[in-house]
Amino acid sequence: MNSPAVKAFIRKHSNSFWYTPEDKKEDISEDMLVEFILNYGTLDDVTELFRILGINKVAQVFFSATGRKKLNYYPEIHNYFSLFFNKHA
């Protein structure tokens, strides 16, 4: 269950989750939230996500992605945030 702050963030970025039915968007997983914001969000979106979830939680979700989930990150995004989180989280 997502917190009210996470639900508000998802509503604000609803277009990013275009293929998720409207009535299910607020219940998307943290994995999907982090993946979509890191892949498609702006720097402001990423900063807001860090503020809401915390940089360590975002890093934990990011590094826990394995197999197909890991491959969902664009290679340059995965490389950048691997370096970023290793230094800052």
PDB file of N, CA and C in Angstrom:
ATOM      1  N   MET A   1       0.844  -1.185   0.000  1.00  0.00           N
ATOM      2  CA  MET A   1       0.000   0.000   0.000  1.00  0.00           C
ATOM      3  C   MET A   1       0.883   1.239   0.000  1.00  0.00           C
ATOM      4  N   ASN A   2       0.657   2.104  -0.955  1.00  0.00           N
ATOM      5  CA  ASN A   2       1.457   3.313  -1.087  1.00  0.00           C
ATOM      6  C   ASN A   2       0.976   4.400  -0.128  1.00  0.00           C
ATOM      7  N   SER A   3       1.907   5.195   0.354  1.00  0.00           N
ATOM      8  CA  SER A   3       1.582   6.301   1.252  1.00  0.00           C
ATOM      9  C   SER A   3       0.832   7.384   0.481  1.00  0.00           C
ATOM     10  N   PRO A   4       0.148   8.289   1.201  1.00  0.00           N
ATOM     11  CA  PRO A   4      -0.537   9.395   0.523  1.00  0.00           C
ATOM     12  C   PRO A   4       0.403  10.241  -0.337  1.00  0.00           C
ATOM     13  N   ALA A   5       1.644  10.452   0.132  1.00  0.00           N
ATOM     14  CA  ALA A   5       2.608  11.241  -0.646  1.00  0.00           C
ATOM     15  C   ALA A   5       2.974  10.531  -1.949  1.00  0.00           C
ATOM     16  N   VAL A   6       3.142   9.223  -1.883  1.00  0.00           N
ATOM     17  CA  VAL A   6       3.474   8.447  -3.090  1.00  0.00           C
ATOM     18  C   VAL A   6       2.289   8.461  -4.050  1.00  0.00           C
ATOM     19  N   LYS A   7       1.084   8.297  -3.518  1.00  0.00           N
ATOM     20  CA  LYS A   7      -0.110   8.332  -4.373  1.00  0.00           C
ATOM     21  C   LYS A   7      -0.263   9.681  -5.062  1.00  0.00           C
ATOM     22  N   ALA A   8       0.007  10.763  -4.347  1.00  0.00           N
ATOM     23  CA  ALA A   8      -0.069  12.100  -4.944  1.00  0.00           C
ATOM     24  C   ALA A   8       0.990  12.252  -6.034  1.00  0.00           C
ATOM     25  N   PHE A   9       2.182  11.726  -5.793  1.00  0.00           N
ATOM     26  CA  PHE A   9       3.260  11.774  -6.777  1.00  0.00           C
ATOM     27  C   PHE A   9       2.858  10.999  -8.033  1.00  0.00           C
ATOM     28  N   ILE A  10       2.274   9.830  -7.845  1.00  0.00           N
ATOM     29  CA  ILE A  10       1.825   9.016  -8.986  1.00  0.00           C
ATOM     30  C   ILE A  10       0.750   9.751  -9.768  1.00  0.00           C
ATOM     31  N   ARG A  11      -0.208  10.365  -9.071  1.00  0.00           N
ATOM     32  CA  ARG A  11      -1.264  11.136  -9.760  1.00  0.00           C
ATOM     33  C   ARG A  11      -0.657  12.276 -10.568  1.00  0.00           C
ATOM     34  N   LYS A  12       0.323  12.950  -9.980  1.00  0.00           N
ATOM     35  CA  LYS A  12       0.988  14.070 -10.655  1.00  0.00           C
ATOM     36  C   LYS A  12       1.690  13.612 -11.937  1.00  0.00           C
ATOM     37  N   HIS A  13       2.199  12.384 -11.923  1.00  0.00           N
ATOM     38  CA  HIS A  13       2.930  11.845 -13.070  1.00  0.00           C
ATOM     39  C   HIS A  13       2.139  10.735 -13.764  1.00  0.00           C
ATOM     40  N   SER A  14       0.850  10.833 -13.716  1.00  0.00           N
ATOM     41  CA  SER A  14      -0.050   9.800 -14.233  1.00  0.00           C
ATOM     42  C   SER A  14       0.243   9.423 -15.681  1.00  0.00           C
ATOM     43  N   ASN A  15       0.618  10.385 -16.494  1.00  0.00           N
ATOM     44  CA  ASN A  15       0.884  10.106 -17.911  1.00  0.00           C
ATOM     45  C   ASN A  15       2.071   9.174 -18.108  1.00  0.00           C
ATOM     46  N   SER A  16       2.966   9.120 -17.142  1.00  0.00           N
ATOM     47  CA  SER A  16       4.117   8.228 -17.245  1.00  0.00           C
ATOM     48  C   SER A  16       3.716   6.755 -17.178  1.00  0.00           C
ATOM     49  N   PHE A  17       2.557   6.510 -16.600  1.00  0.00           N
ATOM     50  CA  PHE A  17       2.074   5.142 -16.415  1.00  0.00           C
ATOM     51  C   PHE A  17       0.865   4.917 -17.327  1.00  0.00           C
ATOM     52  N   TRP A  18       1.007   5.305 -18.576  1.00  0.00           N
ATOM     53  CA  TRP A  18      -0.097   5.346 -19.533  1.00  0.00           C
ATOM     54  C   TRP A  18      -0.766   3.999 -19.754  1.00  0.00           C
ATOM     55  N   TYR A  19      -0.035   2.901 -19.649  1.00  0.00           N
ATOM     56  CA  TYR A  19      -0.646   1.607 -19.945  1.00  0.00           C
ATOM     57  C   TYR A  19      -1.286   0.960 -18.717  1.00  0.00           C
ATOM     58  N   THR A  20      -1.158   1.604 -17.562  1.00  0.00           N
ATOM     59  CA  THR A  20      -1.781   1.095 -16.337  1.00  0.00           C
ATOM     60  C   THR A  20      -3.192   1.683 -16.241  1.00  0.00           C
ATOM     61  N   PRO A  21      -4.204   0.861 -16.008  1.00  0.00           N
ATOM     62  CA  PRO A  21      -5.571   1.387 -15.878  1.00  0.00           C
ATOM     63  C   PRO A  21      -5.645   2.473 -14.799  1.00  0.00           C
ATOM     64  N   GLU A  22      -6.435   3.505 -15.036  1.00  0.00           N
ATOM     65  CA  GLU A  22      -6.543   4.636 -14.117  1.00  0.00           C
ATOM     66  C   GLU A  22      -6.817   4.199 -12.685  1.00  0.00           C
ATOM     67  N   ASP A  23      -7.706   3.246 -12.506  1.00  0.00           N
ATOM     68  CA  ASP A  23      -8.077   2.839 -11.147  1.00  0.00           C
ATOM     69  C   ASP A  23      -7.002   1.996 -10.457  1.00  0.00           C
ATOM     70  N   LYS A  24      -5.947   1.657 -11.156  1.00  0.00           N
ATOM     71  CA  LYS A  24      -4.860   0.849 -10.579  1.00  0.00           C
ATOM     72  C   LYS A  24      -3.552   1.637 -10.411  1.00  0.00           C
ATOM     73  N   LYS A  25      -3.507   2.853 -10.940  1.00  0.00           N
ATOM     74  CA  LYS A  25      -2.258   3.610 -10.952  1.00  0.00           C
ATOM     75  C   LYS A  25      -1.710   3.889  -9.557  1.00  0.00           C
ATOM     76  N   GLU A  26      -2.562   4.245  -8.623  1.00  0.00           N
ATOM     77  CA  GLU A  26      -2.078   4.589  -7.285  1.00  0.00           C
ATOM     78  C   GLU A  26      -1.514   3.385  -6.539  1.00  0.00           C
ATOM     79  N   ASP A  27      -1.744   2.197  -7.056  1.00  0.00           N
ATOM     80  CA  ASP A  27      -1.278   0.980  -6.397  1.00  0.00           C
ATOM     81  C   ASP A  27      -0.108   0.311  -7.111  1.00  0.00           C
ATOM     82  N   ILE A  28       0.556   1.036  -8.026  1.00  0.00           N
ATOM     83  CA  ILE A  28       1.695   0.439  -8.714  1.00  0.00           C
ATOM     84  C   ILE A  28       2.805   0.153  -7.708  1.00  0.00           C
ATOM     85  N   SER A  29       3.656  -0.781  -8.045  1.00  0.00           N
ATOM     86  CA  SER A  29       4.740  -1.178  -7.142  1.00  0.00           C
ATOM     87  C   SER A  29       5.835  -0.117  -7.108  1.00  0.00           C
ATOM     88  N   GLU A  30       6.610  -0.156  -6.032  1.00  0.00           N
ATOM     89  CA  GLU A  30       7.768   0.738  -5.950  1.00  0.00           C
ATOM     90  C   GLU A  30       8.743   0.454  -7.082  1.00  0.00           C
ATOM     91  N   ASP A  31       8.864  -0.825  -7.470  1.00  0.00           N
ATOM     92  CA  ASP A  31       9.755  -1.184  -8.580  1.00  0.00           C
ATOM     93  C   ASP A  31       9.378  -0.421  -9.842  1.00  0.00           C
ATOM     94  N   MET A  32       8.092  -0.445 -10.164  1.00  0.00           N
ATOM     95  CA  MET A  32       7.628   0.229 -11.372  1.00  0.00           C
ATOM     96  C   MET A  32       7.779   1.742 -11.244  1.00  0.00           C
ATOM     97  N   LEU A  33       7.456   2.286 -10.091  1.00  0.00           N
ATOM     98  CA  LEU A  33       7.568   3.724  -9.870  1.00  0.00           C
ATOM     99  C   LEU A  33       9.006   4.191 -10.083  1.00  0.00           C
ATOM    100  N   VAL A  34       9.944   3.519  -9.442  1.00  0.00           N
ATOM    101  CA  VAL A  34      11.355   3.906  -9.565  1.00  0.00           C
ATOM    102  C   VAL A  34      11.829   3.735 -11.003  1.00  0.00           C
ATOM    103  N   GLU A  35      11.502   2.620 -11.609  1.00  0.00           N
ATOM    104  CA  GLU A  35      11.933   2.364 -12.993  1.00  0.00           C
ATOM    105  C   GLU A  35      11.450   3.451 -13.936  1.00  0.00           C
ATOM    106  N   PHE A  36      10.163   3.770 -13.874  1.00  0.00           N
ATOM    107  CA  PHE A  36       9.603   4.743 -14.808  1.00  0.00           C
ATOM    108  C   PHE A  36      10.127   6.149 -14.558  1.00  0.00           C
ATOM    109  N   ILE A  37      10.276   6.546 -13.303  1.00  0.00           N
ATOM    110  CA  ILE A  37      10.761   7.899 -13.032  1.00  0.00           C
ATOM    111  C   ILE A  37      12.241   8.023 -13.406  1.00  0.00           C
ATOM    112  N   LEU A  38      13.055   7.018 -13.096  1.00  0.00           N
ATOM    113  CA  LEU A  38      14.470   7.105 -13.481  1.00  0.00           C
ATOM    114  C   LEU A  38      14.631   7.062 -15.000  1.00  0.00           C
ATOM    115  N   ASN A  39      13.849   6.238 -15.682  1.00  0.00           N
ATOM    116  CA  ASN A  39      13.962   6.126 -17.140  1.00  0.00           C
ATOM    117  C   ASN A  39      13.379   7.330 -17.877  1.00  0.00           C
ATOM    118  N   TYR A  40      12.236   7.826 -17.439  1.00  0.00           N
ATOM    119  CA  TYR A  40      11.483   8.800 -18.235  1.00  0.00           C
ATOM    120  C   TYR A  40      11.269  10.150 -17.566  1.00  0.00           C
ATOM    121  N   GLY A  41      11.574  10.241 -16.276  1.00  0.00           N
ATOM    122  CA  GLY A  41      11.319  11.485 -15.559  1.00  0.00           C
ATOM    123  C   GLY A  41      12.385  12.532 -15.812  1.00  0.00           C
ATOM    124  N   THR A  42      12.048  13.739 -15.390  1.00  0.00           N
ATOM    125  CA  THR A  42      13.005  14.838 -15.449  1.00  0.00           C
ATOM    126  C   THR A  42      13.860  14.820 -14.187  1.00  0.00           C
ATOM    127  N   LEU A  43      14.862  15.658 -14.149  1.00  0.00           N
ATOM    128  CA  LEU A  43      15.687  15.774 -12.952  1.00  0.00           C
ATOM    129  C   LEU A  43      14.829  16.195 -11.763  1.00  0.00           C
ATOM    130  N   ASP A  44      13.871  17.101 -11.988  1.00  0.00           N
ATOM    131  CA  ASP A  44      12.964  17.515 -10.911  1.00  0.00           C
ATOM    132  C   ASP A  44      12.125  16.342 -10.412  1.00  0.00           C
ATOM    133  N   ASP A  45      11.671  15.486 -11.326  1.00  0.00           N
ATOM    134  CA  ASP A  45      10.896  14.298 -10.934  1.00  0.00           C
ATOM    135  C   ASP A  45      11.729  13.366 -10.065  1.00  0.00           C
ATOM    136  N   VAL A  46      12.966  13.136 -10.464  1.00  0.00           N
ATOM    137  CA  VAL A  46      13.869  12.252  -9.711  1.00  0.00           C
ATOM    138  C   VAL A  46      14.140  12.847  -8.329  1.00  0.00           C
ATOM    139  N   THR A  47      14.389  14.152  -8.272  1.00  0.00           N
ATOM    140  CA  THR A  47      14.632  14.823  -6.997  1.00  0.00           C
ATOM    141  C   THR A  47      13.422  14.709  -6.078  1.00  0.00           C
ATOM    142  N   GLU A  48      12.233  14.868  -6.630  1.00  0.00           N
ATOM    143  CA  GLU A  48      11.010  14.736  -5.838  1.00  0.00           C
ATOM    144  C   GLU A  48      10.832  13.296  -5.348  1.00  0.00           C
ATOM    145  N   LEU A  49      11.144  12.334  -6.189  1.00  0.00           N
ATOM    146  CA  LEU A  49      11.070  10.932  -5.778  1.00  0.00           C
ATOM    147  C   LEU A  49      12.033  10.663  -4.623  1.00  0.00           C
ATOM    148  N   PHE A  50      13.253  11.206  -4.693  1.00  0.00           N
ATOM    149  CA  PHE A  50      14.212  11.066  -3.598  1.00  0.00           C
ATOM    150  C   PHE A  50      13.663  11.677  -2.309  1.00  0.00           C
ATOM    151  N   ARG A  51      13.004  12.824  -2.433  1.00  0.00           N
ATOM    152  CA  ARG A  51      12.451  13.504  -1.263  1.00  0.00           C
ATOM    153  C   ARG A  51      11.348  12.662  -0.617  1.00  0.00           C
ATOM    154  N   ILE A  52      10.521  12.033  -1.439  1.00  0.00           N
ATOM    155  CA  ILE A  52       9.383  11.267  -0.928  1.00  0.00           C
ATOM    156  C   ILE A  52       9.817   9.913  -0.364  1.00  0.00           C
ATOM    157  N   LEU A  53      10.584   9.153  -1.139  1.00  0.00           N
ATOM    158  CA  LEU A  53      10.977   7.806  -0.721  1.00  0.00           C
ATOM    159  C   LEU A  53      12.293   7.778   0.048  1.00  0.00           C
ATOM    160  N   GLY A  54      13.133   8.755  -0.214  1.00  0.00           N
ATOM    161  CA  GLY A  54      14.488   8.763   0.342  1.00  0.00           C
ATOM    162  C   GLY A  54      15.453   8.150  -0.663  1.00  0.00           C
ATOM    163  N   ILE A  55      16.620   8.729  -0.754  1.00  0.00           N
ATOM    164  CA  ILE A  55      17.592   8.269  -1.745  1.00  0.00           C
ATOM    165  C   ILE A  55      18.012   6.821  -1.485  1.00  0.00           C
ATOM    166  N   ASN A  56      18.124   6.440  -0.207  1.00  0.00           N
ATOM    167  CA  ASN A  56      18.540   5.070   0.099  1.00  0.00           C
ATOM    168  C   ASN A  56      17.480   4.057  -0.314  1.00  0.00           C
ATOM    169  N   LYS A  57      16.205   4.389  -0.148  1.00  0.00           N
ATOM    170  CA  LYS A  57      15.128   3.480  -0.553  1.00  0.00           C
ATOM    171  C   LYS A  57      15.106   3.343  -2.072  1.00  0.00           C
ATOM    172  N   VAL A  58      15.253   4.462  -2.784  1.00  0.00           N
ATOM    173  CA  VAL A  58      15.277   4.416  -4.250  1.00  0.00           C
ATOM    174  C   VAL A  58      16.465   3.570  -4.711  1.00  0.00           C
ATOM    175  N   ALA A  59      17.615   3.758  -4.087  1.00  0.00           N
ATOM    176  CA  ALA A  59      18.804   2.960  -4.431  1.00  0.00           C
ATOM    177  C   ALA A  59      18.550   1.479  -4.159  1.00  0.00           C
ATOM    178  N   GLN A  60      17.914   1.168  -3.039  1.00  0.00           N
ATOM    179  CA  GLN A  60      17.611  -0.223  -2.708  1.00  0.00           C
ATOM    180  C   GLN A  60      16.706  -0.846  -3.759  1.00  0.00           C
ATOM    181  N   VAL A  61      15.664  -0.134  -4.163  1.00  0.00           N
ATOM    182  CA  VAL A  61      14.751  -0.635  -5.195  1.00  0.00           C
ATOM    183  C   VAL A  61      15.504  -0.808  -6.513  1.00  0.00           C
ATOM    184  N   PHE A  62      16.318   0.183  -6.869  1.00  0.00           N
ATOM    185  CA  PHE A  62      17.088   0.144  -8.109  1.00  0.00           C
ATOM    186  C   PHE A  62      18.027  -1.062  -8.144  1.00  0.00           C
ATOM    187  N   PHE A  63      18.798  -1.266  -7.083  1.00  0.00           N
ATOM    188  CA  PHE A  63      19.770  -2.354  -7.061  1.00  0.00           C
ATOM    189  C   PHE A  63      19.127  -3.728  -6.880  1.00  0.00           C
ATOM    190  N   SER A  64      17.891  -3.769  -6.407  1.00  0.00           N
ATOM    191  CA  SER A  64      17.227  -5.058  -6.233  1.00  0.00           C
ATOM    192  C   SER A  64      16.658  -5.596  -7.544  1.00  0.00           C
ATOM    193  N   ALA A  65      16.629  -4.760  -8.577  1.00  0.00           N
ATOM    194  CA  ALA A  65      16.122  -5.204  -9.882  1.00  0.00           C
ATOM    195  C   ALA A  65      17.102  -6.210 -10.480  1.00  0.00           C
ATOM    196  N   THR A  66      16.580  -7.373 -10.827  1.00  0.00           N
ATOM    197  CA  THR A  66      17.409  -8.402 -11.442  1.00  0.00           C
ATOM    198  C   THR A  66      16.706  -8.929 -12.679  1.00  0.00           C
ATOM    199  N   GLY A  67      17.440  -9.657 -13.482  1.00  0.00           N
ATOM    200  CA  GLY A  67      16.855 -10.287 -14.657  1.00  0.00           C
ATOM    201  C   GLY A  67      16.172  -9.294 -15.573  1.00  0.00           C
ATOM    202  N   ARG A  68      14.949  -9.607 -15.925  1.00  0.00           N
ATOM    203  CA  ARG A  68      14.190  -8.779 -16.861  1.00  0.00           C
ATOM    204  C   ARG A  68      13.954  -7.366 -16.322  1.00  0.00           C
ATOM    205  N   LYS A  69      13.702  -7.250 -15.021  1.00  0.00           N
ATOM    206  CA  LYS A  69      13.474  -5.918 -14.445  1.00  0.00           C
ATOM    207  C   LYS A  69      14.705  -5.045 -14.609  1.00  0.00           C
ATOM    208  N   LYS A  70      15.883  -5.634 -14.444  1.00  0.00           N
ATOM    209  CA  LYS A  70      17.119  -4.874 -14.611  1.00  0.00           C
ATOM    210  C   LYS A  70      17.263  -4.424 -16.062  1.00  0.00           C
ATOM    211  N   LEU A  71      16.859  -5.270 -16.979  1.00  0.00           N
ATOM    212  CA  LEU A  71      16.967  -4.935 -18.396  1.00  0.00           C
ATOM    213  C   LEU A  71      15.963  -3.873 -18.826  1.00  0.00           C
ATOM    214  N   ASN A  72      14.962  -3.593 -17.994  1.00  0.00           N
ATOM    215  CA  ASN A  72      13.994  -2.549 -18.327  1.00  0.00           C
ATOM    216  C   ASN A  72      14.589  -1.152 -18.238  1.00  0.00           C
ATOM    217  N   TYR A  73      15.693  -1.006 -17.507  1.00  0.00           N
ATOM    218  CA  TYR A  73      16.362   0.291 -17.442  1.00  0.00           C
ATOM    219  C   TYR A  73      17.183   0.476 -18.716  1.00  0.00           C
ATOM    220  N   TYR A  74      17.119   1.676 -19.271  1.00  0.00           N
ATOM    221  CA  TYR A  74      17.983   1.967 -20.408  1.00  0.00           C
ATOM    222  C   TYR A  74      19.431   1.819 -19.951  1.00  0.00           C
ATOM    223  N   PRO A  75      20.311   1.289 -20.816  1.00  0.00           N
ATOM    224  CA  PRO A  75      21.705   1.058 -20.394  1.00  0.00           C
ATOM    225  C   PRO A  75      22.382   2.308 -19.832  1.00  0.00           C
ATOM    226  N   GLU A  76      22.171   3.459 -20.454  1.00  0.00           N
ATOM    227  CA  GLU A  76      22.819   4.681 -19.967  1.00  0.00           C
ATOM    228  C   GLU A  76      22.223   5.133 -18.629  1.00  0.00           C
ATOM    229  N   ILE A  77      20.935   4.882 -18.431  1.00  0.00           N
ATOM    230  CA  ILE A  77      20.288   5.212 -17.159  1.00  0.00           C
ATOM    231  C   ILE A  77      20.817   4.282 -16.066  1.00  0.00           C
ATOM    232  N   HIS A  78      20.905   2.994 -16.385  1.00  0.00           N
ATOM    233  CA  HIS A  78      21.412   2.030 -15.403  1.00  0.00           C
ATOM    234  C   HIS A  78      22.847   2.360 -15.024  1.00  0.00           C
ATOM    235  N   ASN A  79      23.672   2.693 -15.980  1.00  0.00           N
ATOM    236  CA  ASN A  79      25.060   3.041 -15.710  1.00  0.00           C
ATOM    237  C   ASN A  79      25.142   4.297 -14.840  1.00  0.00           C
ATOM    238  N   TYR A  80      24.420   5.341 -15.230  1.00  0.00           N
ATOM    239  CA  TYR A  80      24.472   6.606 -14.485  1.00  0.00           C
ATOM    240  C   TYR A  80      24.039   6.410 -13.035  1.00  0.00           C
ATOM    241  N   PHE A  81      22.874   5.788 -12.828  1.00  0.00           N
ATOM    242  CA  PHE A  81      22.366   5.663 -11.465  1.00  0.00           C
ATOM    243  C   PHE A  81      23.150   4.631 -10.652  1.00  0.00           C
ATOM    244  N   SER A  82      23.786   3.672 -11.294  1.00  0.00           N
ATOM    245  CA  SER A  82      24.680   2.767 -10.561  1.00  0.00           C
ATOM    246  C   SER A  82      25.833   3.572  -9.963  1.00  0.00           C
ATOM    247  N   LEU A  83      26.437   4.417 -10.771  1.00  0.00           N
ATOM    248  CA  LEU A  83      27.527   5.268 -10.289  1.00  0.00           C
ATOM    249  C   LEU A  83      27.034   6.246  -9.241  1.00  0.00           C
ATOM    250  N   PHE A  84      25.891   6.879  -9.502  1.00  0.00           N
ATOM    251  CA  PHE A  84      25.318   7.876  -8.611  1.00  0.00           C
ATOM    252  C   PHE A  84      25.010   7.284  -7.226  1.00  0.00           C
ATOM    253  N   PHE A  85      24.282   6.152  -7.214  1.00  0.00           N
ATOM    254  CA  PHE A  85      23.901   5.552  -5.945  1.00  0.00           C
ATOM    255  C   PHE A  85      25.096   4.977  -5.192  1.00  0.00           C
ATOM    256  N   ASN A  86      26.088   4.454  -5.911  1.00  0.00           N
ATOM    257  CA  ASN A  86      27.290   3.954  -5.236  1.00  0.00           C
ATOM    258  C   ASN A  86      28.032   5.081  -4.528  1.00  0.00           C
ATOM    259  N   LYS A  87      27.905   6.277  -5.044  1.00  0.00           N
ATOM    260  CA  LYS A  87      28.586   7.419  -4.419  1.00  0.00           C
ATOM    261  C   LYS A  87      27.728   8.088  -3.344  1.00  0.00           C
ATOM    262  N   HIS A  88      26.408   8.180  -3.571  1.00  0.00           N
ATOM    263  CA  HIS A  88      25.563   9.021  -2.700  1.00  0.00           C
ATOM    264  C   HIS A  88      24.616   8.263  -1.789  1.00  0.00           C
ATOM    265  N   ALA A  89      24.457   6.971  -1.983  1.00  0.00           N
ATOM    266  CA  ALA A  89      23.474   6.257  -1.134  1.00  0.00           C
ATOM    267  C   ALA A  89      24.165   5.217  -0.259  1.00  0.00           C
TER     268      ALA A  89
END
